[in-house]
Amino acid sequence: METKYHKHYSQSLGRDMEYNTYGEQGHPVLVFPSQNGRFYDYQDFDMVATLSPLIDSGKIRLICCDSIDTETWSNEGGDARQRIEQHERWYHYIMDELIPEVRRGEETFIVTGCSMGGFHAGNFFFRRPDIFDTLLALSGLYHADYFFGGYMDNLVYDNSPLHYLASMPDEHFYWDTYRHRRIICCVGQGRWEDDLLASTRRLDTLLAEKNVPHWFDYWGFDVDHDWPWWRNQIWYFMNKIV
């Protein structure tokens, strides 16, 4: 497997940002780390090894980006506006700098992540369905008020799928785009999954009301919010996508 480390200066964030890529061919998969995670976590927790048959066969290539969650979503004692503004700068780093750097032609991406990475995957997918053709979110959360309490402004709203999807006009062209994309969300019903399960069910209901095809899979009461289960899930679903 071809593994490459990348480090480039981000104009959006005013600092160097790092990411890893795995494989040279196949459908590009953008991977977000879990909460406060790093670009190498997907490898360290054996998710890359789990997907290695698909990477080695040239079906997919992974782009594992870095997070700045400690400055944004996890920084609950910080100024709310500054936190969400910093998140938006990171969003533009991903969309305006990282994606053009790794994209080949007009190709579209699978986007995935576990836990907080699932939230990011969902948010990026629903904000930019022109770039992402498939959402595969594992144990994701889909509403920003979980991290911002009662605070809401335009940027928090723009990064809270359950809010902006509920308010999106029925005639908005994104709805038809979503209907031609693949939307897969999976969550367990075991330990540490309660909040994620509730948020996933809310998104499930909303998409059904909007007649958007989607596959939401609720795994058993023994399925915990943890890497061993995410390894099982990523292999199960990715094999059905590519």
Protein backbone atom coordinates (compact mmCIF):
# COMPACT_ATOMS: atom_id res chain seq x y z
CA MET A 1 0.00 0.00 0.00
CA GLU A 2 1.31 3.43 -0.98
CA THR A 3 1.27 5.65 2.13
CA LYS A 4 2.21 9.31 1.95
CA TYR A 5 2.51 12.05 4.55
CA HIS A 6 1.67 15.60 3.48
CA LYS A 7 2.26 18.95 5.16
CA HIS A 8 1.25 22.24 3.58
CA TYR A 9 0.64 25.79 4.70
CA SER A 10 -3.03 26.71 4.94
CA GLN A 11 -3.98 30.23 3.96
CA SER A 12 -7.35 29.80 5.65
CA LEU A 13 -5.85 28.87 9.02
CA GLY A 14 -2.48 30.61 8.80
CA ARG A 15 -0.53 27.51 9.76
CA ASP A 16 0.81 24.24 8.45
CA MET A 17 -1.75 21.44 8.19
CA GLU A 18 -1.02 17.73 7.84
CA TYR A 19 -2.76 14.76 6.28
CA ASN A 20 -2.03 11.21 5.17
CA THR A 21 -3.02 9.45 1.97
CA TYR A 22 -3.26 5.70 1.46
CA GLY A 23 -3.33 4.22 -2.02
CA GLU A 24 -2.90 5.76 -5.45
CA GLN A 25 -6.00 4.62 -7.34
CA GLY A 26 -9.72 4.26 -6.88
CA HIS A 27 -12.62 6.27 -5.56
CA PRO A 28 -11.34 9.01 -3.22
CA VAL A 29 -12.50 8.74 0.40
CA LEU A 30 -12.14 11.77 2.67
CA VAL A 31 -11.81 10.64 6.29
CA PHE A 32 -12.48 12.91 9.27
CA PRO A 33 -10.97 11.90 12.63
CA SER A 34 -13.08 11.42 15.73
CA GLN A 35 -13.36 14.17 18.34
CA ASN A 36 -10.05 15.95 18.97
CA GLY A 37 -8.40 13.34 16.79
CA ARG A 38 -5.48 13.54 14.42
CA PHE A 39 -4.87 12.62 10.81
CA TYR A 40 -2.96 9.46 11.80
CA ASP A 41 -5.68 8.01 14.08
CA TYR A 42 -7.36 6.10 11.26
CA GLN A 43 -4.14 4.18 10.82
CA ASP A 44 -3.37 3.83 14.53
CA PHE A 45 -6.82 2.35 15.25
CA ASP A 46 -6.47 -0.16 12.38
CA MET A 47 -9.15 1.34 10.16
CA VAL A 48 -6.65 1.62 7.32
CA ALA A 49 -5.60 -2.00 7.84
CA THR A 50 -9.26 -3.04 7.79
CA LEU A 51 -9.74 -1.34 4.43
CA SER A 52 -6.39 -2.44 3.01
CA PRO A 53 -7.87 -5.04 0.62
CA LEU A 54 -9.92 -2.30 -1.04
CA ILE A 55 -6.94 0.07 -1.09
CA ASP A 56 -4.51 -2.53 -2.43
CA SER A 57 -6.96 -3.58 -5.16
CA GLY A 58 -7.26 0.03 -6.34
CA LYS A 59 -10.93 0.41 -5.45
CA ILE A 60 -10.42 3.30 -3.02
CA ARG A 61 -7.79 5.72 -1.86
CA LEU A 62 -7.99 7.41 1.55
CA ILE A 63 -7.32 11.03 2.40
CA CYS A 64 -7.13 11.31 6.21
CA CYS A 65 -7.28 14.96 7.22
CA ASP A 66 -6.49 16.66 10.53
CA SER A 67 -8.97 18.26 12.91
CA ILE A 68 -8.89 21.35 15.08
CA ASP A 69 -11.80 20.30 17.31
CA THR A 70 -10.00 21.38 20.48
CA GLU A 71 -10.25 24.98 19.23
CA THR A 72 -13.84 24.75 18.05
CA TRP A 73 -16.43 22.12 18.97
CA SER A 74 -14.67 20.85 22.09
CA ASN A 75 -13.66 24.28 23.40
CA GLU A 76 -16.87 24.71 25.37
CA GLY A 77 -15.36 27.32 27.69
CA GLY A 78 -14.31 29.55 24.81
CA ASP A 79 -16.15 32.39 23.12
CA ALA A 80 -18.89 30.81 21.02
CA ARG A 81 -18.56 33.15 18.05
CA GLN A 82 -14.79 32.78 17.92
CA ARG A 83 -15.12 29.00 18.11
CA ILE A 84 -17.51 28.75 15.19
CA GLU A 85 -15.54 31.29 13.14
CA GLN A 86 -12.45 29.13 13.61
CA HIS A 87 -14.42 26.07 12.56
CA GLU A 88 -15.52 27.91 9.41
CA ARG A 89 -11.90 28.70 8.61
CA TRP A 90 -11.14 24.99 8.94
CA TYR A 91 -14.13 24.21 6.70
CA HIS A 92 -12.67 26.48 4.03
CA TYR A 93 -9.26 24.87 4.47
CA ILE A 94 -10.82 21.50 3.67
CA MET A 95 -13.00 22.69 0.80
CA ASP A 96 -10.81 25.37 -0.79
CA GLU A 97 -7.33 23.98 -0.18
CA LEU A 98 -7.26 20.26 0.67
CA ILE A 99 -9.95 19.06 -1.75
CA PRO A 100 -8.43 20.84 -4.78
CA GLU A 101 -5.02 19.47 -3.80
CA VAL A 102 -6.12 15.83 -3.87
CA ARG A 103 -8.94 15.94 -6.41
CA ARG A 104 -8.40 14.54 -9.88
CA GLY A 105 -10.45 16.26 -12.52
CA GLU A 106 -14.13 16.48 -11.63
CA GLU A 107 -14.23 13.39 -9.42
CA THR A 108 -16.51 13.28 -6.39
CA PHE A 109 -15.69 11.88 -2.97
CA ILE A 110 -17.00 9.45 -0.41
CA VAL A 111 -16.89 11.19 2.96
CA THR A 112 -16.74 9.26 6.21
CA GLY A 113 -15.86 9.44 9.87
CA CYS A 114 -16.66 7.99 13.29
CA SER A 115 -18.27 9.89 16.17
CA MET A 116 -17.32 13.56 15.76
CA GLY A 117 -15.87 12.52 12.41
CA GLY A 118 -19.35 11.29 11.52
CA PHE A 119 -20.73 14.72 12.38
CA HIS A 120 -18.17 16.42 10.16
CA ALA A 121 -18.83 13.94 7.36
CA GLY A 122 -22.56 14.62 7.51
CA ASN A 123 -22.13 18.38 7.70
CA PHE A 124 -19.72 18.55 4.77
CA PHE A 125 -21.87 16.20 2.70
CA PHE A 126 -25.08 18.16 3.21
CA ARG A 127 -23.35 21.50 2.65
CA ARG A 128 -21.60 20.36 -0.54
CA PRO A 129 -23.38 17.48 -2.28
CA ASP A 130 -21.76 18.63 -5.51
CA ILE A 131 -18.38 17.46 -4.16
CA PHE A 132 -19.44 14.43 -2.08
CA ASP A 133 -21.35 11.61 -3.76
CA THR A 134 -21.60 9.34 -0.72
CA LEU A 135 -21.99 9.88 3.01
CA LEU A 136 -20.91 7.05 5.30
CA ALA A 137 -21.26 8.31 8.88
CA LEU A 138 -20.66 6.01 11.84
CA SER A 139 -22.05 7.02 15.25
CA GLY A 140 -22.49 10.60 14.11
CA LEU A 141 -24.26 13.55 15.69
CA TYR A 142 -26.11 15.97 13.44
CA HIS A 143 -27.04 19.04 15.50
CA ALA A 144 -24.61 21.75 16.59
CA ASP A 145 -26.51 22.77 19.72
CA TYR A 146 -25.09 19.69 21.44
CA PHE A 147 -21.79 21.60 21.58
CA PHE A 148 -23.08 25.19 21.72
CA GLY A 149 -25.95 24.86 24.17
CA GLY A 150 -28.41 27.69 23.71
CA TYR A 151 -26.11 29.76 21.51
CA MET A 152 -27.14 30.09 17.87
CA ASP A 153 -25.93 32.41 15.14
CA ASN A 154 -25.65 32.23 11.37
CA LEU A 155 -22.47 30.13 11.38
CA VAL A 156 -23.66 27.67 14.02
CA TYR A 157 -26.86 27.28 12.00
CA ASP A 158 -24.85 26.73 8.81
CA ASN A 159 -23.01 23.86 10.51
CA SER A 160 -26.01 22.14 12.07
CA PRO A 161 -27.58 19.77 9.53
CA LEU A 162 -30.75 19.12 11.51
CA HIS A 163 -31.37 22.86 11.60
CA TYR A 164 -30.55 23.90 8.05
CA LEU A 165 -32.10 20.83 6.43
CA ALA A 166 -35.36 21.35 8.32
CA SER A 167 -35.52 24.95 7.06
CA MET A 168 -34.36 24.32 3.50
CA PRO A 169 -37.19 25.15 1.05
CA ASP A 170 -38.70 22.15 -0.71
CA GLU A 171 -37.82 23.68 -4.08
CA HIS A 172 -34.11 24.03 -3.24
CA PHE A 173 -32.09 22.15 -5.85
CA TYR A 174 -30.03 20.43 -3.16
CA TRP A 175 -32.97 18.14 -2.36
CA ASP A 176 -32.86 16.65 -5.83
CA THR A 177 -29.07 16.37 -5.58
CA TYR A 178 -29.41 14.47 -2.30
CA ARG A 179 -31.87 12.11 -3.95
CA HIS A 180 -29.17 11.14 -6.43
CA ARG A 181 -26.50 10.60 -3.78
CA ARG A 182 -25.87 7.72 -1.37
CA ILE A 183 -26.59 8.49 2.27
CA ILE A 184 -25.59 5.86 4.80
CA CYS A 185 -25.60 6.40 8.56
CA CYS A 186 -24.95 3.68 11.10
CA VAL A 187 -25.18 3.77 14.88
CA GLY A 188 -25.10 1.17 17.61
CA GLN A 189 -27.52 0.91 20.51
CA GLY A 190 -24.96 -0.05 23.14
CA ARG A 191 -22.76 1.91 25.52
CA TRP A 192 -22.12 5.60 24.87
CA GLU A 193 -24.39 5.69 21.82
CA ASP A 194 -27.55 7.23 23.35
CA ASP A 195 -27.08 10.83 22.14
CA LEU A 196 -25.84 9.67 18.74
CA LEU A 197 -28.76 7.27 18.38
CA ALA A 198 -31.29 10.01 19.11
CA SER A 199 -29.68 12.43 16.67
CA THR A 200 -29.48 9.76 13.97
CA ARG A 201 -33.17 8.96 14.38
CA ARG A 202 -34.04 12.65 13.99
CA LEU A 203 -32.09 12.84 10.73
CA ASP A 204 -33.66 9.59 9.55
CA THR A 205 -37.14 11.03 10.08
CA LEU A 206 -36.30 14.33 8.40
CA LEU A 207 -34.90 12.69 5.25
CA ALA A 208 -37.90 10.37 5.05
CA GLU A 209 -40.25 13.37 5.23
CA LYS A 210 -38.32 14.98 2.36
CA ASN A 211 -38.45 11.79 0.26
CA VAL A 212 -34.67 11.48 0.19
CA PRO A 213 -33.53 7.85 -0.20
CA HIS A 214 -31.17 6.83 2.58
CA TRP A 215 -29.91 3.79 4.43
CA PHE A 216 -29.85 4.18 8.18
CA ASP A 217 -28.69 1.06 9.96
CA TYR A 218 -29.25 0.60 13.71
CA TRP A 219 -26.97 -2.09 15.09
CA GLY A 220 -27.62 -4.08 18.25
CA PHE A 221 -27.67 -3.28 21.94
CA ASP A 222 -24.24 -4.86 22.25
CA VAL A 223 -22.75 -2.43 19.72
CA ASP A 224 -20.77 0.22 21.59
CA HIS A 225 -19.37 3.59 20.60
CA ASP A 226 -15.86 2.27 20.05
CA TRP A 227 -13.27 1.38 17.44
CA PRO A 228 -13.79 -2.41 17.32
CA TRP A 229 -17.35 -1.87 16.16
CA TRP A 230 -16.40 0.92 13.76
CA ARG A 231 -13.89 -1.43 12.13
CA ASN A 232 -16.69 -3.94 11.59
CA GLN A 233 -19.00 -1.26 10.23
CA ILE A 234 -16.54 0.37 7.85
CA TRP A 235 -15.71 -2.96 6.24
CA TYR A 236 -19.36 -3.97 5.98
CA PHE A 237 -20.54 -0.77 4.32
CA MET A 238 -17.51 0.11 2.19
CA ASN A 239 -17.73 -3.26 0.50
CA LYS A 240 -21.24 -2.39 -0.59
CA ILE A 241 -20.30 1.09 -1.84
CA VAL A 242 -17.28 0.41 -4.08
